């Protein structure tokens, strides 16, 4: 796992969309990099907040009653228990900060779900 590095170069190791790669840790949080394209699944996290920071491109965060558009340099914290779905028309690069025990797709299991072990590879 990286403890420092150039974020743009680290994105070269991120394979596939919606498949985060853990690149660091801070206290009980993982720092993850993910490439977004297409639509993710609707999900929430019962006990953890989730932070999205857009490194390159843009994406939408869909909520039950609104859509928030995030562009390069923007960040957004989704509070625990809030149902949401990221979507990106074009490829976007996103840094996420989440508690180590946070499940990739919350309580939803599906083909896009990645285990922590898979994210550490």
N, C-alpha and C. Protein backbone atom coordinates (compact mmCIF):
# COMPACT_ATOMS: atom_id res chain seq x y z
N UNK A 1 0.85 -1.18 0.00
CA UNK A 1 0.00 0.00 0.00
C UNK A 1 0.89 1.24 0.00
N UNK A 2 0.47 2.23 -0.75
CA UNK A 2 1.23 3.47 -0.85
C UNK A 2 0.98 4.33 0.40
N UNK A 3 1.98 5.04 0.83
CA UNK A 3 1.82 6.00 1.91
C UNK A 3 1.99 7.42 1.38
N UNK A 4 2.54 7.51 0.19
CA UNK A 4 2.65 8.80 -0.50
C UNK A 4 2.76 8.50 -1.98
N UNK A 5 2.53 9.51 -2.78
CA UNK A 5 2.67 9.32 -4.21
C UNK A 5 1.91 10.39 -4.96
N UNK A 6 2.13 10.42 -6.24
CA UNK A 6 1.43 11.34 -7.10
C UNK A 6 0.08 10.72 -7.45
N UNK A 7 -0.99 11.39 -7.12
CA UNK A 7 -2.34 10.85 -7.31
C UNK A 7 -2.59 10.49 -8.77
N UNK A 8 -2.14 11.34 -9.69
CA UNK A 8 -2.37 11.07 -11.11
C UNK A 8 -1.66 9.79 -11.55
N UNK A 9 -0.45 9.56 -11.06
CA UNK A 9 0.27 8.33 -11.40
C UNK A 9 -0.38 7.12 -10.73
N UNK A 10 -0.88 7.29 -9.50
CA UNK A 10 -1.53 6.17 -8.81
C UNK A 10 -2.79 5.71 -9.54
N UNK A 11 -3.46 6.64 -10.23
CA UNK A 11 -4.65 6.26 -10.99
C UNK A 11 -4.32 5.31 -12.13
N UNK A 12 -3.05 5.25 -12.57
CA UNK A 12 -2.66 4.31 -13.62
C UNK A 12 -2.85 2.87 -13.17
N UNK A 13 -2.82 2.62 -11.85
CA UNK A 13 -2.99 1.27 -11.32
C UNK A 13 -4.45 0.91 -11.06
N UNK A 14 -5.36 1.84 -11.25
CA UNK A 14 -6.78 1.58 -11.02
C UNK A 14 -7.35 0.94 -12.28
N UNK A 15 -7.82 -0.30 -12.14
CA UNK A 15 -8.34 -1.04 -13.29
C UNK A 15 -9.85 -1.15 -13.21
N UNK A 16 -10.51 -0.85 -14.29
CA UNK A 16 -11.96 -1.00 -14.34
C UNK A 16 -12.69 0.14 -13.64
N UNK A 17 -13.96 0.24 -13.97
CA UNK A 17 -14.80 1.26 -13.35
C UNK A 17 -15.48 0.70 -12.11
N UNK A 18 -15.70 1.58 -11.14
CA UNK A 18 -16.39 1.24 -9.88
C UNK A 18 -15.62 0.20 -9.08
N UNK A 19 -14.31 0.16 -9.25
CA UNK A 19 -13.47 -0.82 -8.55
C UNK A 19 -12.37 -0.08 -7.80
N UNK A 20 -12.69 0.42 -6.59
CA UNK A 20 -11.72 1.23 -5.85
C UNK A 20 -10.43 0.49 -5.51
N UNK A 21 -9.35 1.25 -5.47
CA UNK A 21 -8.06 0.73 -5.05
C UNK A 21 -7.63 1.50 -3.82
N UNK A 22 -7.32 0.79 -2.76
CA UNK A 22 -6.86 1.42 -1.52
C UNK A 22 -5.41 1.83 -1.70
N UNK A 23 -5.11 3.12 -1.50
CA UNK A 23 -3.76 3.63 -1.70
C UNK A 23 -3.13 4.15 -0.41
N UNK A 24 -3.91 4.21 0.66
CA UNK A 24 -3.36 4.70 1.91
C UNK A 24 -4.35 4.55 3.04
N UNK A 25 -3.89 4.85 4.23
CA UNK A 25 -4.78 4.82 5.40
C UNK A 25 -4.41 5.94 6.34
N UNK A 26 -5.43 6.49 6.97
CA UNK A 26 -5.27 7.55 7.95
C UNK A 26 -6.14 7.15 9.14
N UNK A 27 -5.50 6.85 10.25
CA UNK A 27 -6.21 6.38 11.44
C UNK A 27 -7.08 5.19 11.07
N UNK A 28 -8.39 5.28 11.26
CA UNK A 28 -9.27 4.14 10.92
C UNK A 28 -9.98 4.34 9.59
N UNK A 29 -9.36 5.12 8.69
CA UNK A 29 -9.94 5.42 7.38
C UNK A 29 -9.02 4.91 6.26
N UNK A 30 -9.63 4.45 5.18
CA UNK A 30 -8.88 4.15 3.97
C UNK A 30 -9.02 5.30 2.99
N UNK A 31 -7.94 5.56 2.26
CA UNK A 31 -7.97 6.50 1.13
C UNK A 31 -8.02 5.61 -0.11
N UNK A 32 -9.05 5.82 -0.95
CA UNK A 32 -9.26 4.97 -2.11
C UNK A 32 -9.31 5.82 -3.38
N UNK A 33 -8.89 5.23 -4.49
CA UNK A 33 -9.02 5.87 -5.79
C UNK A 33 -9.92 4.98 -6.64
N UNK A 34 -10.83 5.61 -7.38
CA UNK A 34 -11.74 4.86 -8.24
C UNK A 34 -12.01 5.64 -9.51
N UNK A 35 -12.20 4.90 -10.58
CA UNK A 35 -12.63 5.48 -11.84
C UNK A 35 -14.13 5.23 -11.98
N UNK A 36 -14.86 6.29 -12.28
CA UNK A 36 -16.31 6.20 -12.43
C UNK A 36 -16.68 6.34 -13.89
N UNK A 37 -17.58 5.50 -14.36
CA UNK A 37 -18.19 5.68 -15.68
C UNK A 37 -19.43 4.80 -15.72
N UNK A 38 -20.53 5.38 -16.20
CA UNK A 38 -21.80 4.68 -16.20
C UNK A 38 -22.52 4.94 -14.88
N UNK A 39 -23.38 4.00 -14.50
CA UNK A 39 -24.14 4.16 -13.26
C UNK A 39 -23.74 3.10 -12.25
N UNK A 40 -23.67 3.52 -11.00
CA UNK A 40 -23.41 2.61 -9.89
C UNK A 40 -24.76 2.17 -9.34
N UNK A 41 -24.78 1.49 -8.23
CA UNK A 41 -26.02 1.00 -7.63
C UNK A 41 -26.52 1.96 -6.55
N UNK A 42 -27.83 2.01 -6.37
CA UNK A 42 -28.40 2.74 -5.24
C UNK A 42 -27.98 2.01 -3.97
N UNK A 43 -27.49 2.76 -2.99
CA UNK A 43 -27.07 2.15 -1.73
C UNK A 43 -26.96 3.22 -0.65
N UNK A 44 -26.84 2.76 0.57
CA UNK A 44 -26.51 3.66 1.67
C UNK A 44 -25.58 2.90 2.61
N UNK A 45 -25.08 3.62 3.56
CA UNK A 45 -24.22 3.02 4.57
C UNK A 45 -24.81 3.38 5.92
N UNK A 46 -25.19 2.37 6.64
CA UNK A 46 -25.92 2.56 7.88
C UNK A 46 -25.11 3.28 8.96
N UNK A 47 -23.80 3.01 9.02
CA UNK A 47 -23.00 3.52 10.14
C UNK A 47 -21.85 4.44 9.75
N UNK A 48 -21.61 4.65 8.45
CA UNK A 48 -20.43 5.41 8.04
C UNK A 48 -20.78 6.51 7.05
N UNK A 49 -20.08 7.64 7.20
CA UNK A 49 -20.12 8.70 6.19
C UNK A 49 -19.14 8.30 5.09
N UNK A 50 -19.27 8.97 3.92
CA UNK A 50 -18.39 8.69 2.80
C UNK A 50 -18.04 10.01 2.13
N UNK A 51 -16.73 10.23 1.87
CA UNK A 51 -16.32 11.46 1.22
C UNK A 51 -15.85 11.18 -0.20
N UNK A 52 -16.36 11.97 -1.15
CA UNK A 52 -15.97 11.91 -2.56
C UNK A 52 -15.20 13.19 -2.89
N UNK A 53 -14.04 13.06 -3.53
CA UNK A 53 -13.28 14.21 -4.01
C UNK A 53 -12.95 13.96 -5.49
N UNK A 54 -13.37 14.86 -6.36
CA UNK A 54 -13.17 14.67 -7.80
C UNK A 54 -11.79 15.17 -8.20
N UNK A 55 -10.96 14.25 -8.67
CA UNK A 55 -9.61 14.57 -9.11
C UNK A 55 -9.62 14.98 -10.58
N UNK A 56 -10.41 14.28 -11.39
CA UNK A 56 -10.46 14.55 -12.83
C UNK A 56 -11.86 14.23 -13.34
N UNK A 57 -12.37 15.06 -14.23
CA UNK A 57 -13.69 14.82 -14.81
C UNK A 57 -14.80 15.31 -13.91
N UNK A 58 -15.94 14.64 -13.99
CA UNK A 58 -17.09 15.01 -13.17
C UNK A 58 -18.01 13.81 -13.02
N UNK A 59 -18.93 13.89 -12.08
CA UNK A 59 -19.96 12.87 -11.94
C UNK A 59 -21.13 13.45 -11.18
N UNK A 60 -22.23 12.73 -11.22
CA UNK A 60 -23.43 13.14 -10.50
C UNK A 60 -23.64 12.23 -9.30
N UNK A 61 -24.08 12.81 -8.21
CA UNK A 61 -24.53 12.04 -7.06
C UNK A 61 -26.04 12.16 -7.04
N UNK A 62 -26.71 11.06 -7.27
CA UNK A 62 -28.18 11.04 -7.26
C UNK A 62 -28.65 10.74 -5.84
N UNK A 63 -29.57 11.52 -5.37
CA UNK A 63 -30.23 11.31 -4.10
C UNK A 63 -31.72 11.13 -4.40
N UNK A 64 -32.50 10.76 -3.41
CA UNK A 64 -33.92 10.52 -3.64
C UNK A 64 -34.64 11.74 -4.18
N UNK A 65 -34.23 12.95 -3.78
CA UNK A 65 -34.95 14.16 -4.19
C UNK A 65 -34.11 15.19 -4.92
N UNK A 66 -32.86 14.86 -5.25
CA UNK A 66 -32.01 15.82 -5.95
C UNK A 66 -30.82 15.12 -6.59
N UNK A 67 -30.17 15.85 -7.48
CA UNK A 67 -28.93 15.39 -8.11
C UNK A 67 -27.90 16.48 -7.90
N UNK A 68 -26.74 16.10 -7.36
CA UNK A 68 -25.64 17.03 -7.14
C UNK A 68 -24.56 16.71 -8.17
N UNK A 69 -24.13 17.73 -8.93
CA UNK A 69 -23.08 17.56 -9.93
C UNK A 69 -21.76 18.00 -9.31
N UNK A 70 -20.77 17.10 -9.36
CA UNK A 70 -19.45 17.39 -8.82
C UNK A 70 -18.44 17.41 -9.96
N UNK A 71 -17.61 18.44 -10.00
CA UNK A 71 -16.58 18.60 -11.03
C UNK A 71 -15.21 18.61 -10.38
N UNK A 72 -14.16 18.64 -11.21
CA UNK A 72 -12.79 18.62 -10.70
C UNK A 72 -12.61 19.62 -9.56
N UNK A 73 -12.03 19.12 -8.47
CA UNK A 73 -11.77 19.96 -7.31
C UNK A 73 -12.90 19.97 -6.30
N UNK A 74 -14.08 19.48 -6.66
CA UNK A 74 -15.23 19.46 -5.74
C UNK A 74 -15.15 18.24 -4.83
N UNK A 75 -15.71 18.39 -3.63
CA UNK A 75 -15.88 17.23 -2.76
C UNK A 75 -17.27 17.28 -2.16
N UNK A 76 -17.72 16.11 -1.71
CA UNK A 76 -19.05 16.00 -1.10
C UNK A 76 -18.99 14.88 -0.08
N UNK A 77 -19.57 15.11 1.08
CA UNK A 77 -19.67 14.08 2.11
C UNK A 77 -21.12 13.60 2.15
N UNK A 78 -21.29 12.30 1.93
CA UNK A 78 -22.61 11.69 2.06
C UNK A 78 -22.69 11.14 3.48
N UNK A 79 -23.65 11.63 4.22
CA UNK A 79 -23.80 11.22 5.62
C UNK A 79 -24.36 9.81 5.71
N UNK A 80 -24.06 9.14 6.79
CA UNK A 80 -24.54 7.77 6.99
C UNK A 80 -26.06 7.72 6.88
N UNK A 81 -26.55 6.64 6.32
CA UNK A 81 -27.98 6.43 6.19
C UNK A 81 -28.64 7.10 5.00
N UNK A 82 -27.88 7.89 4.22
CA UNK A 82 -28.46 8.60 3.08
C UNK A 82 -28.29 7.76 1.81
N UNK A 83 -29.41 7.39 1.20
CA UNK A 83 -29.40 6.59 -0.02
C UNK A 83 -28.91 7.45 -1.18
N UNK A 84 -27.97 6.90 -1.97
CA UNK A 84 -27.39 7.65 -3.07
C UNK A 84 -26.90 6.71 -4.17
N UNK A 85 -26.66 7.30 -5.35
CA UNK A 85 -26.15 6.54 -6.50
C UNK A 85 -25.27 7.46 -7.32
N UNK A 86 -23.97 7.18 -7.42
CA UNK A 86 -23.10 7.94 -8.32
C UNK A 86 -23.35 7.52 -9.78
N UNK A 87 -23.19 8.47 -10.69
CA UNK A 87 -23.31 8.21 -12.13
C UNK A 87 -22.38 9.16 -12.87
N UNK A 88 -21.73 8.65 -13.92
CA UNK A 88 -20.80 9.47 -14.71
C UNK A 88 -20.98 9.17 -16.19
N UNK A 89 -21.27 10.21 -16.96
CA UNK A 89 -21.41 10.04 -18.41
C UNK A 89 -20.05 9.70 -19.04
N UNK A 90 -19.01 10.39 -18.61
CA UNK A 90 -17.65 10.16 -19.09
C UNK A 90 -16.81 9.72 -17.91
N UNK A 91 -15.61 9.21 -18.19
CA UNK A 91 -14.74 8.74 -17.11
C UNK A 91 -14.39 9.87 -16.16
N UNK A 92 -14.55 9.59 -14.88
CA UNK A 92 -14.13 10.51 -13.83
C UNK A 92 -13.22 9.80 -12.85
N UNK A 93 -12.27 10.53 -12.29
CA UNK A 93 -11.37 9.99 -11.29
C UNK A 93 -11.75 10.56 -9.95
N UNK A 94 -11.97 9.69 -8.98
CA UNK A 94 -12.50 10.11 -7.69
C UNK A 94 -11.69 9.50 -6.55
N UNK A 95 -11.36 10.33 -5.57
CA UNK A 95 -10.74 9.87 -4.34
C UNK A 95 -11.85 9.75 -3.31
N UNK A 96 -11.84 8.64 -2.59
CA UNK A 96 -12.83 8.40 -1.55
C UNK A 96 -12.11 8.24 -0.21
N UNK A 97 -12.73 8.69 0.84
CA UNK A 97 -12.22 8.46 2.19
C UNK A 97 -13.36 7.83 2.97
N UNK A 98 -13.08 6.62 3.48
CA UNK A 98 -14.11 5.83 4.16
C UNK A 98 -13.49 5.08 5.32
N UNK A 99 -14.31 4.78 6.34
CA UNK A 99 -13.86 3.92 7.42
C UNK A 99 -13.43 2.57 6.86
N UNK A 100 -12.47 1.94 7.50
CA UNK A 100 -11.93 0.68 7.00
C UNK A 100 -13.00 -0.40 6.86
N UNK A 101 -13.99 -0.40 7.70
CA UNK A 101 -15.00 -1.46 7.65
C UNK A 101 -16.15 -1.16 6.69
N UNK A 102 -16.08 -0.02 5.99
CA UNK A 102 -17.16 0.36 5.08
C UNK A 102 -17.26 -0.62 3.92
N UNK A 103 -18.46 -1.13 3.70
CA UNK A 103 -18.71 -2.04 2.58
C UNK A 103 -18.86 -1.22 1.30
N UNK A 104 -18.29 -1.71 0.23
CA UNK A 104 -18.25 -1.01 -1.05
C UNK A 104 -19.62 -0.57 -1.52
N UNK A 105 -20.61 -1.44 -1.45
CA UNK A 105 -21.95 -1.10 -1.92
C UNK A 105 -22.96 -1.11 -0.78
N UNK A 106 -22.49 -0.78 0.42
CA UNK A 106 -23.40 -0.76 1.57
C UNK A 106 -23.99 -2.14 1.79
N UNK A 107 -25.29 -2.20 2.03
CA UNK A 107 -25.96 -3.48 2.27
C UNK A 107 -26.45 -4.14 0.98
N UNK A 108 -26.10 -3.56 -0.17
CA UNK A 108 -26.49 -4.11 -1.46
C UNK A 108 -25.34 -4.98 -1.98
N UNK A 109 -25.62 -6.23 -2.32
CA UNK A 109 -24.62 -7.12 -2.90
C UNK A 109 -24.96 -7.32 -4.37
N UNK A 110 -23.94 -7.21 -5.22
CA UNK A 110 -24.17 -7.40 -6.65
C UNK A 110 -22.88 -7.56 -7.39
N UNK A 111 -22.96 -7.53 -8.72
CA UNK A 111 -21.78 -7.77 -9.55
C UNK A 111 -20.73 -6.67 -9.41
N UNK A 112 -21.11 -5.48 -8.97
CA UNK A 112 -20.15 -4.39 -8.80
C UNK A 112 -19.49 -4.38 -7.41
N UNK A 113 -19.99 -5.18 -6.49
CA UNK A 113 -19.47 -5.21 -5.12
C UNK A 113 -18.03 -5.73 -5.10
N UNK A 114 -17.14 -4.97 -4.44
CA UNK A 114 -15.73 -5.36 -4.29
C UNK A 114 -15.41 -5.47 -2.80
N UNK A 115 -14.78 -6.58 -2.41
CA UNK A 115 -14.39 -6.77 -1.02
C UNK A 115 -13.20 -5.87 -0.68
N UNK A 116 -12.96 -5.68 0.60
CA UNK A 116 -11.79 -4.91 1.03
C UNK A 116 -10.53 -5.59 0.52
N UNK A 117 -10.48 -6.93 0.57
CA UNK A 117 -9.32 -7.66 0.10
C UNK A 117 -9.05 -7.35 -1.38
N UNK A 118 -10.11 -7.29 -2.19
CA UNK A 118 -9.98 -6.98 -3.60
C UNK A 118 -9.48 -5.55 -3.81
N UNK A 119 -9.92 -4.64 -2.95
CA UNK A 119 -9.52 -3.24 -3.07
C UNK A 119 -8.06 -3.03 -2.65
N UNK A 120 -7.51 -3.94 -1.87
CA UNK A 120 -6.12 -3.83 -1.42
C UNK A 120 -5.13 -4.35 -2.46
N UNK A 121 -5.60 -5.06 -3.47
CA UNK A 121 -4.70 -5.66 -4.48
C UNK A 121 -4.08 -4.60 -5.34
